[in-house]
Amino acid sequence: MHRLLLETLCAACCLLTVGALKHHILTKSWDEAQTDCLEYLRTEPSRSLLYSSHQYGDDQTTKELIFCILLNLRIFEVTQNVPRVELMRQFFTPDDGDTMHVNRTNECLRRVQIPLKENSSSGSGNLYCGAIETANGIFRCFYYYYGNLNRNAVELPPTVLERQQIQQECAKIVGIPEGLLRCGSQLKDHPLYSNFSHCVILRSGSMDLDVNSGNSLKADSWTI
């Protein structure tokens, strides 16, 4: 009996693991990220009820929550000054027959102020506050002009550190010296590069093998 119970629990754990993470790809919905952030920020239960019905005011507590959610979903990467508006739109569903939602959202996004790139060693509170305002500006453009928040669990892009880890792991898996990861041309000439790139694509869910990719988006990339 105990053995059967143990096997059942192990099987359940395996199913949960597979459902949450395939290869190295994390999926998460807006509501799941929000639940995480409500716990991180120790938000009052009375406010949590409002947020669960997707009611967001313009106060500082709400702004900090939205900032946390966008970081949690990798929509906004503050240290790299990278907003991922194409990822943001996946958490919203436009109304049927609304053909102007993209134009309205883009017009709003062009008015969002771009923060300076944050230097984590500077300890500047101004940069942190600027990032919060920018993240909220991006969110409110979609919240007011694009559509309604949905419950879709979306594949999240790996962070820069995760991409580095994935490449290091795949190099070990296929037998490529890790030192070649810093030598792009030599890496591509390696006979096992095809296996390496296939491993990276599977584990990251991305065709992009450049560790530094996605960090140089400009202002005109903030639109859909």
Protein backbone atom coordinates (compact mmCIF):
# COMPACT_ATOMS: atom_id res chain seq x y z
CA MET A 1 0.00 0.00 0.00
CA HIS A 2 2.78 2.42 0.94
CA ARG A 3 4.66 1.50 -2.22
CA LEU A 4 1.58 2.20 -4.37
CA LEU A 5 1.09 5.57 -2.67
CA LEU A 6 4.73 6.47 -3.25
CA GLU A 7 4.53 5.50 -6.93
CA THR A 8 1.35 7.57 -7.33
CA LEU A 9 2.98 10.63 -5.74
CA CYS A 10 6.06 10.24 -7.92
CA ALA A 11 3.93 10.00 -11.05
CA ALA A 12 2.02 13.14 -10.05
CA CYS A 13 5.27 15.01 -9.46
CA CYS A 14 6.54 13.97 -12.88
CA LEU A 15 3.36 15.22 -14.55
CA LEU A 16 3.62 18.56 -12.75
CA THR A 17 7.24 18.92 -13.77
CA VAL A 18 6.53 18.15 -17.41
CA GLY A 19 3.59 20.55 -17.44
CA ALA A 20 5.58 23.46 -16.02
CA LEU A 21 8.87 23.01 -17.82
CA LYS A 22 9.66 21.21 -21.08
CA HIS A 23 13.33 21.04 -21.97
CA HIS A 24 14.32 24.40 -20.51
CA ILE A 25 11.21 26.36 -21.54
CA LEU A 26 9.08 27.99 -18.84
CA THR A 27 5.44 28.82 -19.49
CA LYS A 28 3.43 31.20 -17.30
CA SER A 29 0.18 33.15 -17.48
CA TRP A 30 -0.46 36.71 -16.34
CA ASP A 31 -2.48 35.49 -13.35
CA GLU A 32 0.27 33.07 -12.32
CA ALA A 33 2.89 35.81 -12.47
CA GLN A 34 0.57 38.11 -10.53
CA THR A 35 0.08 35.50 -7.80
CA ASP A 36 3.86 35.21 -7.50
CA CYS A 37 4.25 38.97 -7.17
CA LEU A 38 1.47 39.35 -4.63
CA GLU A 39 3.43 36.96 -2.44
CA TYR A 40 6.79 38.62 -3.13
CA LEU A 41 5.44 42.07 -2.26
CA ARG A 42 3.27 40.89 0.67
CA THR A 43 0.26 42.66 -0.75
CA GLU A 44 -2.76 43.22 1.50
CA PRO A 45 -5.62 40.70 0.90
CA SER A 46 -8.09 43.52 0.21
CA ARG A 47 -5.94 44.73 -2.67
CA SER A 48 -5.34 41.21 -3.93
CA LEU A 49 -9.08 40.84 -4.55
CA LEU A 50 -9.06 43.90 -6.81
CA TYR A 51 -6.04 42.66 -8.72
CA SER A 52 -7.55 39.20 -9.18
CA SER A 53 -10.36 40.88 -11.15
CA HIS A 54 -7.75 42.81 -13.16
CA GLN A 55 -8.54 46.21 -11.64
CA TYR A 56 -5.40 48.32 -11.54
CA GLY A 57 -5.25 51.83 -10.13
CA ASP A 58 -2.53 54.43 -10.63
CA ASP A 59 -1.06 54.29 -7.11
CA GLN A 60 2.50 53.32 -6.20
CA THR A 61 1.58 49.89 -4.80
CA THR A 62 -0.11 48.95 -8.07
CA LYS A 63 2.80 50.29 -10.11
CA GLU A 64 5.24 48.15 -8.14
CA LEU A 65 3.01 45.11 -8.70
CA ILE A 66 2.84 45.70 -12.47
CA PHE A 67 6.61 46.20 -12.57
CA CYS A 68 7.09 42.90 -10.75
CA ILE A 69 4.73 41.07 -13.12
CA LEU A 70 6.50 42.39 -16.22
CA LEU A 71 9.85 41.32 -14.81
CA ASN A 72 8.41 37.95 -13.82
CA LEU A 73 7.11 37.39 -17.36
CA ARG A 74 10.39 38.70 -18.88
CA ILE A 75 8.44 41.38 -20.74
CA PHE A 76 10.69 44.07 -19.32
CA GLU A 77 14.37 43.42 -18.59
CA VAL A 78 15.43 46.47 -16.63
CA THR A 79 19.22 45.97 -16.61
CA GLN A 80 19.24 45.67 -20.41
CA ASN A 81 16.58 48.30 -21.08
CA VAL A 82 14.64 45.82 -23.22
CA PRO A 83 10.83 45.91 -23.48
CA ARG A 84 9.35 42.94 -25.33
CA VAL A 85 6.10 44.35 -26.71
CA GLU A 86 5.51 41.31 -28.93
CA LEU A 87 5.55 39.16 -25.80
CA MET A 88 3.28 41.60 -23.97
CA ARG A 89 0.57 41.36 -26.61
CA GLN A 90 0.27 37.59 -26.07
CA PHE A 91 -1.30 38.24 -22.66
CA PHE A 92 -4.10 40.37 -24.17
CA THR A 93 -7.00 39.49 -26.47
CA PRO A 94 -8.57 42.28 -28.58
CA ASP A 95 -12.35 42.58 -28.89
CA ASP A 96 -13.95 40.90 -31.89
CA GLY A 97 -14.24 43.30 -34.79
CA ASP A 98 -11.76 45.80 -33.32
CA THR A 99 -9.46 46.60 -36.23
CA MET A 100 -7.80 49.65 -34.69
CA HIS A 101 -6.34 48.10 -31.52
CA VAL A 102 -2.81 47.89 -32.93
CA ASN A 103 -2.82 51.51 -34.14
CA ARG A 104 -4.14 52.79 -30.82
CA THR A 105 -1.60 50.78 -28.83
CA ASN A 106 1.32 51.87 -31.00
CA GLU A 107 0.32 55.51 -30.71
CA CYS A 108 0.36 55.12 -26.94
CA LEU A 109 3.67 53.20 -26.89
CA ARG A 110 5.39 56.00 -28.79
CA ARG A 111 4.60 58.32 -25.88
CA VAL A 112 6.18 56.04 -23.27
CA GLN A 113 9.41 57.52 -21.97
CA ILE A 114 12.45 55.30 -22.44
CA PRO A 115 14.54 54.99 -19.26
CA LEU A 116 18.29 55.16 -19.16
CA LYS A 117 20.05 51.81 -19.11
CA GLU A 118 20.36 50.84 -15.47
CA ASN A 119 23.77 50.32 -13.93
CA SER A 120 23.15 47.87 -11.10
CA SER A 121 26.34 48.99 -9.33
CA SER A 122 25.29 52.64 -9.19
CA GLY A 123 22.45 52.05 -6.73
CA SER A 124 20.48 54.94 -8.22
CA GLY A 125 16.89 55.12 -7.01
CA ASN A 126 16.01 57.43 -9.90
CA LEU A 127 16.76 54.75 -12.47
CA TYR A 128 14.66 52.24 -10.54
CA CYS A 129 11.72 54.66 -10.36
CA GLY A 130 12.13 55.44 -14.05
CA ALA A 131 12.00 51.74 -14.91
CA ILE A 132 8.81 51.32 -12.85
CA GLU A 133 7.15 54.23 -14.68
CA THR A 134 8.20 52.89 -18.07
CA ALA A 135 6.99 49.37 -17.33
CA ASN A 136 3.65 50.76 -16.19
CA GLY A 137 3.41 52.94 -19.27
CA ILE A 138 3.87 49.92 -21.52
CA PHE A 139 1.30 47.90 -19.56
CA ARG A 140 -1.34 50.64 -19.61
CA CYS A 141 -1.02 51.05 -23.37
CA PHE A 142 -2.10 47.44 -23.78
CA TYR A 143 -4.55 47.51 -20.87
CA TYR A 144 -6.49 50.50 -22.21
CA TYR A 145 -6.02 50.24 -25.97
CA TYR A 146 -5.20 46.68 -27.08
CA GLY A 147 -7.71 44.35 -25.42
CA ASN A 148 -8.51 42.32 -22.32
CA LEU A 149 -6.09 40.32 -20.22
CA ASN A 150 -6.41 36.61 -20.98
CA ARG A 151 -5.46 33.44 -19.12
CA ASN A 152 -3.03 32.07 -21.71
CA ALA A 153 0.16 30.45 -20.42
CA VAL A 154 2.87 31.82 -22.70
CA GLU A 155 6.38 30.51 -23.37
CA LEU A 156 8.77 32.93 -21.72
CA PRO A 157 12.08 33.83 -23.38
CA PRO A 158 15.23 32.88 -21.46
CA THR A 159 17.15 35.63 -19.72
CA VAL A 160 20.71 36.45 -20.76
CA LEU A 161 22.08 34.34 -17.91
CA GLU A 162 19.78 31.45 -18.79
CA ARG A 163 20.90 31.56 -22.44
CA GLN A 164 24.50 31.37 -21.28
CA GLN A 165 23.69 28.42 -19.03
CA ILE A 166 21.80 26.64 -21.82
CA GLN A 167 24.73 27.06 -24.20
CA GLN A 168 27.18 25.76 -21.61
CA GLU A 169 24.98 22.75 -20.89
CA CYS A 170 24.49 21.97 -24.59
CA ALA A 171 28.24 22.26 -25.20
CA LYS A 172 28.78 19.58 -22.55
CA ILE A 173 25.92 17.43 -23.89
CA VAL A 174 27.25 17.27 -27.46
CA GLY A 175 30.96 17.38 -26.58
CA ILE A 176 32.03 20.87 -27.70
CA PRO A 177 34.73 22.64 -25.62
CA GLU A 178 33.11 25.46 -23.63
CA GLY A 179 35.94 27.78 -24.65
CA LEU A 180 34.57 27.81 -28.20
CA LEU A 181 31.41 29.57 -26.96
CA ARG A 182 33.45 32.78 -26.91
CA CYS A 183 34.69 32.22 -30.49
CA GLY A 184 31.68 32.53 -32.77
CA SER A 185 33.35 31.75 -36.11
CA GLN A 186 35.31 28.79 -34.76
CA LEU A 187 32.23 27.45 -33.02
CA LYS A 188 30.22 27.45 -36.26
CA ASP A 189 33.03 25.59 -38.01
CA HIS A 190 33.05 22.81 -35.42
CA PRO A 191 31.74 19.47 -36.80
CA LEU A 192 29.31 19.16 -33.87
CA TYR A 193 27.88 22.67 -34.25
CA SER A 194 24.68 21.36 -35.85
CA ASN A 195 24.00 19.15 -32.84
CA PHE A 196 24.88 22.01 -30.51
CA SER A 197 22.52 24.47 -32.20
CA HIS A 198 19.72 21.89 -32.24
CA CYS A 199 20.17 21.37 -28.49
CA VAL A 200 20.12 25.11 -27.79
CA ILE A 201 16.97 25.64 -29.89
CA LEU A 202 15.14 22.81 -28.11
CA ARG A 203 16.14 23.92 -24.62
CA SER A 204 15.58 27.64 -25.11
CA GLY A 205 12.65 27.58 -27.53
CA SER A 206 14.48 30.18 -29.64
CA MET A 207 16.24 30.09 -32.99
CA ASP A 208 18.59 32.82 -31.78
CA LEU A 209 21.95 31.43 -30.60
CA ASP A 210 23.48 34.82 -29.77
CA VAL A 211 23.90 35.19 -26.00
CA ASN A 212 23.73 38.98 -26.29
CA SER A 213 20.74 39.09 -28.59
CA GLY A 214 17.72 41.18 -27.73
CA ASN A 215 19.67 43.73 -25.72
CA SER A 216 19.94 46.50 -28.27
CA LEU A 217 16.31 47.30 -29.10
CA LYS A 218 15.79 50.97 -29.97
CA ALA A 219 12.88 53.30 -29.41
CA ASP A 220 11.19 52.40 -32.69
CA SER A 221 11.19 48.74 -31.60
CA TRP A 222 8.75 49.54 -28.79
CA THR A 223 5.80 49.37 -31.17
CA ILE A 224 3.99 46.23 -32.26
